Structures are given as structure tokens and as C-alpha cells.
Amino acid sequence: YFPERGCISVSVVVDAQPSLEIGMVGREGMLGGHTLLAG
């Protein structure tokens, strides 16, 4: 995904705790870059 308007929250869950936001993606970037690294 390449957002043009809006914002995406990126989070992880550690040890069944509430999720922890580790970043945001907006019009400056993309979501799914891990696929570039064979993910």
C-alpha cells in the first residue's frame, strides 16, 4: 500500500499485552516493504 491521503498505524503484540504502536505510514511511505526482503 502507498497511502496518498490518510494514515496507517503499525503495531505489534508482545507477550499477549495490548498492542504497541511502532510506527505510522502516511503519504511519505508504504506498507508491505517486507515483501522486498522475501517476506
ModelCIF file with pLDDT and N, C-alpha, C, O atoms, coordinates in Angstrom:
data_MODEL
#
_entry.id   MODEL 
#
_entity.id                         1 
_entity.type                       polymer 
_entity.pdbx_number_of_molecules   1 
#
_entity_poly.entity_id                      1 
_entity_poly.type                           'polypeptide(L)' 
_entity_poly.nstd_linkage                   no 
_entity_poly.nstd_monomer                   no 
_entity_poly.pdbx_seq_one_letter_code       YFPERGCISVSVVVDAQPSLEIGMVGREGMLGGHTLLAG 
_entity_poly.pdbx_seq_one_letter_code_can   YFPERGCISVSVVVDAQPSLEIGMVGREGMLGGHTLLAG 
_entity_poly.pdbx_strand_id                 A 
#
loop_
_entity_poly_seq.entity_id 
_entity_poly_seq.num 
_entity_poly_seq.mon_id 
_entity_poly_seq.hetero 
1 1  TYR n 
1 2  PHE n 
1 3  PRO n 
1 4  GLU n 
1 5  ARG n 
1 6  GLY n 
1 7  CYS n 
1 8  ILE n 
1 9  SER n 
1 10 VAL n 
1 11 SER n 
1 12 VAL n 
1 13 VAL n 
1 14 VAL n 
1 15 ASP n 
1 16 ALA n 
1 17 GLN n 
1 18 PRO n 
1 19 SER n 
1 20 LEU n 
1 21 GLU n 
1 22 ILE n 
1 23 GLY n 
1 24 MET n 
1 25 VAL n 
1 26 GLY n 
1 27 ARG n 
1 28 GLU n 
1 29 GLY n 
1 30 MET n 
1 31 LEU n 
1 32 GLY n 
1 33 GLY n 
1 34 HIS n 
1 35 THR n 
1 36 LEU n 
1 37 LEU n 
1 38 ALA n 
1 39 GLY n 
#
_struct_asym.id          A 
_struct_asym.entity_id   1 
#
loop_
_ma_qa_metric.id 
_ma_qa_metric.mode 
_ma_qa_metric.name 
_ma_qa_metric.software_group_id 
_ma_qa_metric.type 
1 global pLDDT . pLDDT 
2 local  pLDDT . pLDDT 
#
_ma_qa_metric_global.metric_id      1 
_ma_qa_metric_global.metric_value   88.46 
_ma_qa_metric_global.model_id       1 
_ma_qa_metric_global.ordinal_id     1 
#
loop_
_ma_qa_metric_local.label_asym_id 
_ma_qa_metric_local.label_comp_id 
_ma_qa_metric_local.label_seq_id 
_ma_qa_metric_local.metric_id 
_ma_qa_metric_local.metric_value 
_ma_qa_metric_local.model_id 
_ma_qa_metric_local.ordinal_id 
A TYR 1  2 98.00 1 1  
A PHE 2  2 97.00 1 2  
A PRO 3  2 96.00 1 3  
A GLU 4  2 95.00 1 4  
A ARG 5  2 92.00 1 5  
A GLY 6  2 90.00 1 6  
A CYS 7  2 90.00 1 7  
A ILE 8  2 94.00 1 8  
A SER 9  2 90.00 1 9  
A VAL 10 2 91.00 1 10 
A SER 11 2 89.00 1 11 
A VAL 12 2 86.00 1 12 
A VAL 13 2 82.00 1 13 
A VAL 14 2 80.00 1 14 
A ASP 15 2 80.00 1 15 
A ALA 16 2 76.00 1 16 
A GLN 17 2 77.00 1 17 
A PRO 18 2 77.00 1 18 
A SER 19 2 78.00 1 19 
A LEU 20 2 79.00 1 20 
A GLU 21 2 81.00 1 21 
A ILE 22 2 83.00 1 22 
A GLY 23 2 85.00 1 23 
A MET 24 2 87.00 1 24 
A VAL 25 2 92.00 1 25 
A GLY 26 2 91.00 1 26 
A ARG 27 2 92.00 1 27 
A GLU 28 2 91.00 1 28 
A GLY 29 2 94.00 1 29 
A MET 30 2 96.00 1 30 
A LEU 31 2 96.00 1 31 
A GLY 32 2 95.00 1 32 
A GLY 33 2 93.00 1 33 
A HIS 34 2 92.00 1 34 
A THR 35 2 94.00 1 35 
A LEU 36 2 92.00 1 36 
A LEU 37 2 89.00 1 37 
A ALA 38 2 84.00 1 38 
A GLY 39 2 86.00 1 39 
#
loop_
_atom_site.group_PDB 
_atom_site.id 
_atom_site.type_symbol 
_atom_site.label_atom_id 
_atom_site.label_alt_id 
_atom_site.label_comp_id 
_atom_site.label_asym_id 
_atom_site.label_entity_id 
_atom_site.label_seq_id 
_atom_site.pdbx_PDB_ins_code 
_atom_site.Cartn_x 
_atom_site.Cartn_y 
_atom_site.Cartn_z 
_atom_site.occupancy 
_atom_site.B_iso_or_equiv 
_atom_site.pdbx_formal_charge 
_atom_site.auth_seq_id 
_atom_site.auth_comp_id 
_atom_site.auth_asym_id 
_atom_site.auth_atom_id 
_atom_site.pdbx_PDB_model_num 
ATOM 1   N N  . TYR A 1 1  ? 0.837  -1.204  0.000  1.00 98.00 ? 1  TYR A N  1 
ATOM 2   C CA . TYR A 1 1  ? 0.000  0.000   0.000  1.00 98.00 ? 1  TYR A CA 1 
ATOM 3   C C  . TYR A 1 1  ? 0.868  1.248   0.000  1.00 98.00 ? 1  TYR A C  1 
ATOM 4   O O  . TYR A 1 1  ? 1.874  1.318   0.706  1.00 98.00 ? 1  TYR A O  1 
ATOM 5   N N  . PHE A 1 2  ? 0.471  2.231   -0.796 1.00 97.00 ? 2  PHE A N  1 
ATOM 6   C CA . PHE A 1 2  ? 1.112  3.531   -0.853 1.00 97.00 ? 2  PHE A CA 1 
ATOM 7   C C  . PHE A 1 2  ? 0.046  4.579   -0.547 1.00 97.00 ? 2  PHE A C  1 
ATOM 8   O O  . PHE A 1 2  ? -0.655 5.024   -1.456 1.00 97.00 ? 2  PHE A O  1 
ATOM 9   N N  . PRO A 1 3  ? -0.088 4.983   0.722  1.00 96.00 ? 3  PRO A N  1 
ATOM 10  C CA . PRO A 1 3  ? -1.128 5.971   1.059  1.00 96.00 ? 3  PRO A CA 1 
ATOM 11  C C  . PRO A 1 3  ? -0.896 7.299   0.333  1.00 96.00 ? 3  PRO A C  1 
ATOM 12  O O  . PRO A 1 3  ? 0.234  7.770   0.205  1.00 96.00 ? 3  PRO A O  1 
ATOM 13  N N  . GLU A 1 4  ? -1.986 7.879   -0.132 1.00 95.00 ? 4  GLU A N  1 
ATOM 14  C CA . GLU A 1 4  ? -1.935 9.203   -0.744 1.00 95.00 ? 4  GLU A CA 1 
ATOM 15  C C  . GLU A 1 4  ? -2.574 10.243  0.179  1.00 95.00 ? 4  GLU A C  1 
ATOM 16  O O  . GLU A 1 4  ? -2.236 11.425  0.133  1.00 95.00 ? 4  GLU A O  1 
ATOM 17  N N  . ARG A 1 5  ? -3.482 9.790   0.999  1.00 92.00 ? 5  ARG A N  1 
ATOM 18  C CA . ARG A 1 5  ? -4.134 10.630  1.995  1.00 92.00 ? 5  ARG A CA 1 
ATOM 19  C C  . ARG A 1 5  ? -4.573 9.698   3.116  1.00 92.00 ? 5  ARG A C  1 
ATOM 20  O O  . ARG A 1 5  ? -5.072 8.605   2.848  1.00 92.00 ? 5  ARG A O  1 
ATOM 21  N N  . GLY A 1 6  ? -4.396 10.109  4.361  1.00 90.00 ? 6  GLY A N  1 
ATOM 22  C CA . GLY A 1 6  ? -4.761 9.268   5.489  1.00 90.00 ? 6  GLY A CA 1 
ATOM 23  C C  . GLY A 1 6  ? -3.529 8.732   6.196  1.00 90.00 ? 6  GLY A C  1 
ATOM 24  O O  . GLY A 1 6  ? -2.402 9.112   5.881  1.00 90.00 ? 6  GLY A O  1 
ATOM 25  N N  . CYS A 1 7  ? -3.754 7.855   7.145  1.00 90.00 ? 7  CYS A N  1 
ATOM 26  C CA . CYS A 1 7  ? -2.664 7.386   7.992  1.00 90.00 ? 7  CYS A CA 1 
ATOM 27  C C  . CYS A 1 7  ? -2.934 5.950   8.449  1.00 90.00 ? 7  CYS A C  1 
ATOM 28  O O  . CYS A 1 7  ? -4.063 5.589   8.781  1.00 90.00 ? 7  CYS A O  1 
ATOM 29  N N  . ILE A 1 8  ? -1.886 5.152   8.459  1.00 94.00 ? 8  ILE A N  1 
ATOM 30  C CA . ILE A 1 8  ? -1.963 3.752   8.892  1.00 94.00 ? 8  ILE A CA 1 
ATOM 31  C C  . ILE A 1 8  ? -1.112 3.589   10.142 1.00 94.00 ? 8  ILE A C  1 
ATOM 32  O O  . ILE A 1 8  ? 0.039  4.024   10.176 1.00 94.00 ? 8  ILE A O  1 
ATOM 33  N N  . SER A 1 9  ? -1.675 2.965   11.164 1.00 90.00 ? 9  SER A N  1 
ATOM 34  C CA . SER A 1 9  ? -0.951 2.663   12.395 1.00 90.00 ? 9  SER A CA 1 
ATOM 35  C C  . SER A 1 9  ? -0.363 1.264   12.291 1.00 90.00 ? 9  SER A C  1 
ATOM 36  O O  . SER A 1 9  ? -1.064 0.312   11.946 1.00 90.00 ? 9  SER A O  1 
ATOM 37  N N  . VAL A 1 10 ? 0.925  1.143   12.590 1.00 91.00 ? 10 VAL A N  1 
ATOM 38  C CA . VAL A 1 10 ? 1.622  -0.149  12.539 1.00 91.00 ? 10 VAL A CA 1 
ATOM 39  C C  . VAL A 1 10 ? 1.947  -0.553  13.969 1.00 91.00 ? 10 VAL A C  1 
ATOM 40  O O  . VAL A 1 10 ? 2.559  0.215   14.711 1.00 91.00 ? 10 VAL A O  1 
ATOM 41  N N  . SER A 1 11 ? 1.536  -1.759  14.358 1.00 89.00 ? 11 SER A N  1 
ATOM 42  C CA . SER A 1 11 ? 1.723  -2.174  15.749 1.00 89.00 ? 11 SER A CA 1 
ATOM 43  C C  . SER A 1 11 ? 2.121  -3.641  15.856 1.00 89.00 ? 11 SER A C  1 
ATOM 44  O O  . SER A 1 11 ? 1.984  -4.422  14.914 1.00 89.00 ? 11 SER A O  1 
ATOM 45  N N  . VAL A 1 12 ? 2.621  -3.983  17.045 1.00 86.00 ? 12 VAL A N  1 
ATOM 46  C CA . VAL A 1 12 ? 2.984  -5.358  17.365 1.00 86.00 ? 12 VAL A CA 1 
ATOM 47  C C  . VAL A 1 12 ? 2.378  -5.717  18.718 1.00 86.00 ? 12 VAL A C  1 
ATOM 48  O O  . VAL A 1 12 ? 2.073  -4.848  19.534 1.00 86.00 ? 12 VAL A O  1 
ATOM 49  N N  . VAL A 1 13 ? 2.214  -7.002  18.929 1.00 82.00 ? 13 VAL A N  1 
ATOM 50  C CA . VAL A 1 13 ? 1.766  -7.505  20.224 1.00 82.00 ? 13 VAL A CA 1 
ATOM 51  C C  . VAL A 1 13 ? 2.916  -8.317  20.803 1.00 82.00 ? 13 VAL A C  1 
ATOM 52  O O  . VAL A 1 13 ? 3.458  -9.202  20.141 1.00 82.00 ? 13 VAL A O  1 
ATOM 53  N N  . VAL A 1 14 ? 3.281  -8.011  22.041 1.00 80.00 ? 14 VAL A N  1 
ATOM 54  C CA . VAL A 1 14 ? 4.370  -8.715  22.710 1.00 80.00 ? 14 VAL A CA 1 
ATOM 55  C C  . VAL A 1 14 ? 3.824  -9.372  23.974 1.00 80.00 ? 14 VAL A C  1 
ATOM 56  O O  . VAL A 1 14 ? 3.220  -8.705  24.814 1.00 80.00 ? 14 VAL A O  1 
ATOM 57  N N  . ASP A 1 15 ? 4.035  -10.666 24.106 1.00 80.00 ? 15 ASP A N  1 
ATOM 58  C CA . ASP A 1 15 ? 3.637  -11.406 25.304 1.00 80.00 ? 15 ASP A CA 1 
ATOM 59  C C  . ASP A 1 15 ? 2.178  -11.184 25.686 1.00 80.00 ? 15 ASP A C  1 
ATOM 60  O O  . ASP A 1 15 ? 1.874  -10.996 26.864 1.00 80.00 ? 15 ASP A O  1 
ATOM 61  N N  . ALA A 1 16 ? 1.271  -11.203 24.711 1.00 76.00 ? 16 ALA A N  1 
ATOM 62  C CA . ALA A 1 16 ? -0.164 -11.081 24.923 1.00 76.00 ? 16 ALA A CA 1 
ATOM 63  C C  . ALA A 1 16 ? -0.565 -9.781  25.631 1.00 76.00 ? 16 ALA A C  1 
ATOM 64  O O  . ALA A 1 16 ? -1.650 -9.702  26.207 1.00 76.00 ? 16 ALA A O  1 
ATOM 65  N N  . GLN A 1 17 ? 0.288  -8.781  25.593 1.00 77.00 ? 17 GLN A N  1 
ATOM 66  C CA . GLN A 1 17 ? -0.037 -7.458  26.136 1.00 77.00 ? 17 GLN A CA 1 
ATOM 67  C C  . GLN A 1 17 ? -0.829 -6.691  25.080 1.00 77.00 ? 17 GLN A C  1 
ATOM 68  O O  . GLN A 1 17 ? -0.893 -7.117  23.927 1.00 77.00 ? 17 GLN A O  1 
ATOM 69  N N  . PRO A 1 18 ? -1.436 -5.557  25.466 1.00 77.00 ? 18 PRO A N  1 
ATOM 70  C CA . PRO A 1 18 ? -2.092 -4.738  24.435 1.00 77.00 ? 18 PRO A CA 1 
ATOM 71  C C  . PRO A 1 18 ? -1.084 -4.346  23.357 1.00 77.00 ? 18 PRO A C  1 
ATOM 72  O O  . PRO A 1 18 ? 0.115  -4.246  23.620 1.00 77.00 ? 18 PRO A O  1 
ATOM 73  N N  . SER A 1 19 ? -1.578 -4.126  22.153 1.00 78.00 ? 19 SER A N  1 
ATOM 74  C CA . SER A 1 19 ? -0.670 -3.822  21.044 1.00 78.00 ? 19 SER A CA 1 
ATOM 75  C C  . SER A 1 19 ? 0.107  -2.537  21.308 1.00 78.00 ? 19 SER A C  1 
ATOM 76  O O  . SER A 1 19 ? -0.360 -1.631  21.998 1.00 78.00 ? 19 SER A O  1 
ATOM 77  N N  . LEU A 1 20 ? 1.302  -2.491  20.738 1.00 79.00 ? 20 LEU A N  1 
ATOM 78  C CA . LEU A 1 20 ? 2.207  -1.356  20.889 1.00 79.00 ? 20 LEU A CA 1 
ATOM 79  C C  . LEU A 1 20 ? 2.461  -0.780  19.502 1.00 79.00 ? 20 LEU A C  1 
ATOM 80  O O  . LEU A 1 20 ? 2.973  -1.469  18.619 1.00 79.00 ? 20 LEU A O  1 
ATOM 81  N N  . GLU A 1 21 ? 2.099  0.498   19.313 1.00 81.00 ? 21 GLU A N  1 
ATOM 82  C CA . GLU A 1 21 ? 2.338  1.126   18.024 1.00 81.00 ? 21 GLU A CA 1 
ATOM 83  C C  . GLU A 1 21 ? 3.828  1.369   17.844 1.00 81.00 ? 21 GLU A C  1 
ATOM 84  O O  . GLU A 1 21 ? 4.481  1.971   18.696 1.00 81.00 ? 21 GLU A O  1 
ATOM 85  N N  . ILE A 1 22 ? 4.355  0.889   16.719 1.00 83.00 ? 22 ILE A N  1 
ATOM 86  C CA . ILE A 1 22 ? 5.784  1.064   16.438 1.00 83.00 ? 22 ILE A CA 1 
ATOM 87  C C  . ILE A 1 22 ? 6.026  2.014   15.273 1.00 83.00 ? 22 ILE A C  1 
ATOM 88  O O  . ILE A 1 22 ? 7.172  2.299   14.926 1.00 83.00 ? 22 ILE A O  1 
ATOM 89  N N  . GLY A 1 23 ? 4.961  2.498   14.679 1.00 85.00 ? 23 GLY A N  1 
ATOM 90  C CA . GLY A 1 23 ? 5.127  3.435   13.582 1.00 85.00 ? 23 GLY A CA 1 
ATOM 91  C C  . GLY A 1 23 ? 3.822  3.795   12.931 1.00 85.00 ? 23 GLY A C  1 
ATOM 92  O O  . GLY A 1 23 ? 2.770  3.229   13.232 1.00 85.00 ? 23 GLY A O  1 
ATOM 93  N N  . MET A 1 24 ? 3.912  4.748   12.034 1.00 87.00 ? 24 MET A N  1 
ATOM 94  C CA . MET A 1 24 ? 2.783  5.188   11.224 1.00 87.00 ? 24 MET A CA 1 
ATOM 95  C C  . MET A 1 24 ? 3.257  5.303   9.787  1.00 87.00 ? 24 MET A C  1 
ATOM 96  O O  . MET A 1 24 ? 4.423  5.589   9.515  1.00 87.00 ? 24 MET A O  1 
ATOM 97  N N  . VAL A 1 25 ? 2.331  5.074   8.884  1.00 92.00 ? 25 VAL A N  1 
ATOM 98  C CA . VAL A 1 25 ? 2.626  5.232   7.465  1.00 92.00 ? 25 VAL A CA 1 
ATOM 99  C C  . VAL A 1 25 ? 1.588  6.180   6.885  1.00 92.00 ? 25 VAL A C  1 
ATOM 100 O O  . VAL A 1 25 ? 0.385  5.995   7.065  1.00 92.00 ? 25 VAL A O  1 
ATOM 101 N N  . GLY A 1 26 ? 2.067  7.181   6.200  1.00 91.00 ? 26 GLY A N  1 
ATOM 102 C CA . GLY A 1 26 ? 1.199  8.119   5.507  1.00 91.00 ? 26 GLY A CA 1 
ATOM 103 C C  . GLY A 1 26 ? 1.691  8.310   4.090  1.00 91.00 ? 26 GLY A C  1 
ATOM 104 O O  . GLY A 1 26 ? 2.270  7.407   3.486  1.00 91.00 ? 26 GLY A O  1 
ATOM 105 N N  . ARG A 1 27 ? 1.453  9.493   3.571  1.00 92.00 ? 27 ARG A N  1 
ATOM 106 C CA . ARG A 1 27 ? 1.787  9.788   2.172  1.00 92.00 ? 27 ARG A CA 1 
ATOM 107 C C  . ARG A 1 27 ? 3.284  9.796   1.895  1.00 92.00 ? 27 ARG A C  1 
ATOM 108 O O  . ARG A 1 27 ? 3.698  9.913   0.741  1.00 92.00 ? 27 ARG A O  1 
ATOM 109 N N  . GLU A 1 28 ? 4.116  9.669   2.960  1.00 91.00 ? 28 GLU A N  1 
ATOM 110 C CA . GLU A 1 28 ? 5.567  9.649   2.772  1.00 91.00 ? 28 GLU A CA 1 
ATOM 111 C C  . GLU A 1 28 ? 6.106  8.260   2.465  1.00 91.00 ? 28 GLU A C  1 
ATOM 112 O O  . GLU A 1 28 ? 7.269  8.132   2.081  1.00 91.00 ? 28 GLU A O  1 
ATOM 113 N N  . GLY A 1 29 ? 5.293  7.208   2.623  1.00 94.00 ? 29 GLY A N  1 
ATOM 114 C CA . GLY A 1 29 ? 5.877  5.868   2.537  1.00 94.00 ? 29 GLY A CA 1 
ATOM 115 C C  . GLY A 1 29 ? 4.956  4.800   2.014  1.00 94.00 ? 29 GLY A C  1 
ATOM 116 O O  . GLY A 1 29 ? 4.079  5.040   1.185  1.00 94.00 ? 29 GLY A O  1 
ATOM 117 N N  . MET A 1 30 ? 5.187  3.599   2.532  1.00 96.00 ? 30 MET A N  1 
ATOM 118 C CA . MET A 1 30 ? 4.433  2.435   2.072  1.00 96.00 ? 30 MET A CA 1 
ATOM 119 C C  . MET A 1 30 ? 4.275  1.414   3.192  1.00 96.00 ? 30 MET A C  1 
ATOM 120 O O  . MET A 1 30 ? 5.017  1.425   4.175  1.00 96.00 ? 30 MET A O  1 
ATOM 121 N N  . LEU A 1 31 ? 3.314  0.548   3.027  1.00 96.00 ? 31 LEU A N  1 
ATOM 122 C CA . LEU A 1 31 ? 3.108  -0.598  3.908  1.00 96.00 ? 31 LEU A CA 1 
ATOM 123 C C  . LEU A 1 31 ? 3.326  -1.845  3.054  1.00 96.00 ? 31 LEU A C  1 
ATOM 124 O O  . LEU A 1 31 ? 2.757  -1.967  1.970  1.00 96.00 ? 31 LEU A O  1 
ATOM 125 N N  . GLY A 1 32 ? 4.145  -2.762  3.541  1.00 95.00 ? 32 GLY A N  1 
ATOM 126 C CA . GLY A 1 32 ? 4.393  -4.007  2.816  1.00 95.00 ? 32 GLY A CA 1 
ATOM 127 C C  . GLY A 1 32 ? 5.804  -4.122  2.290  1.00 95.00 ? 32 GLY A C  1 
ATOM 128 O O  . GLY A 1 32 ? 6.091  -4.992  1.469  1.00 95.00 ? 32 GLY A O  1 
ATOM 129 N N  . GLY A 1 33 ? 6.688  -3.258  2.749  1.00 93.00 ? 33 GLY A N  1 
ATOM 130 C CA . GLY A 1 33 ? 8.073  -3.279  2.286  1.00 93.00 ? 33 GLY A CA 1 
ATOM 131 C C  . GLY A 1 33 ? 8.798  -4.580  2.602  1.00 93.00 ? 33 GLY A C  1 
ATOM 132 O O  . GLY A 1 33 ? 9.792  -4.908  1.954  1.00 93.00 ? 33 GLY A O  1 
ATOM 133 N N  . HIS A 1 34 ? 8.309  -5.324  3.592  1.00 92.00 ? 34 HIS A N  1 
ATOM 134 C CA . HIS A 1 34 ? 8.958  -6.597  3.948  1.00 92.00 ? 34 HIS A CA 1 
ATOM 135 C C  . HIS A 1 34 ? 8.957  -7.577  2.782  1.00 92.00 ? 34 HIS A C  1 
ATOM 136 O O  . HIS A 1 34 ? 9.785  -8.487  2.736  1.00 92.00 ? 34 HIS A O  1 
ATOM 137 N N  . THR A 1 35 ? 8.027  -7.399  1.833  1.00 94.00 ? 35 THR A N  1 
ATOM 138 C CA . THR A 1 35 ? 7.979  -8.302  0.682  1.00 94.00 ? 35 THR A CA 1 
ATOM 139 C C  . THR A 1 35 ? 9.226  -8.158  -0.186 1.00 94.00 ? 35 THR A C  1 
ATOM 140 O O  . THR A 1 35 ? 9.617  -9.099  -0.877 1.00 94.00 ? 35 THR A O  1 
ATOM 141 N N  . LEU A 1 36 ? 9.842  -6.991  -0.150 1.00 92.00 ? 36 LEU A N  1 
ATOM 142 C CA . LEU A 1 36 ? 11.090 -6.752  -0.868 1.00 92.00 ? 36 LEU A CA 1 
ATOM 143 C C  . LEU A 1 36 ? 12.200 -7.670  -0.363 1.00 92.00 ? 36 LEU A C  1 
ATOM 144 O O  . LEU A 1 36 ? 13.114 -8.024  -1.107 1.00 92.00 ? 36 LEU A O  1 
ATOM 145 N N  . LEU A 1 37 ? 12.108 -8.048  0.907  1.00 89.00 ? 37 LEU A N  1 
ATOM 146 C CA . LEU A 1 37 ? 13.129 -8.886  1.547  1.00 89.00 ? 37 LEU A CA 1 
ATOM 147 C C  . LEU A 1 37 ? 12.692 -10.347 1.607  1.00 89.00 ? 37 LEU A C  1 
ATOM 148 O O  . LEU A 1 37 ? 13.166 -11.101 2.457  1.00 89.00 ? 37 LEU A O  1 
ATOM 149 N N  . ALA A 1 38 ? 11.799 -10.746 0.720  1.00 84.00 ? 38 ALA A N  1 
ATOM 150 C CA . ALA A 1 38 ? 11.307 -12.120 0.617  1.00 84.00 ? 38 ALA A CA 1 
ATOM 151 C C  . ALA A 1 38 ? 10.322 -12.489 1.717  1.00 84.00 ? 38 ALA A C  1 
ATOM 152 O O  . ALA A 1 38 ? 10.036 -13.670 1.914  1.00 84.00 ? 38 ALA A O  1 
ATOM 153 N N  . GLY A 1 39 ? 9.804  -11.514 2.429  1.00 86.00 ? 39 GLY A N  1 
ATOM 154 C CA . GLY A 1 39 ? 8.769  -11.786 3.431  1.00 86.00 ? 39 GLY A CA 1 
ATOM 155 C C  . GLY A 1 39 ? 7.437  -11.999 2.752  1.00 86.00 ? 39 GLY A C  1 
ATOM 156 O O  . GLY A 1 39 ? 6.434  -12.242 3.423  1.00 86.00 ? 39 GLY A O  1 
#
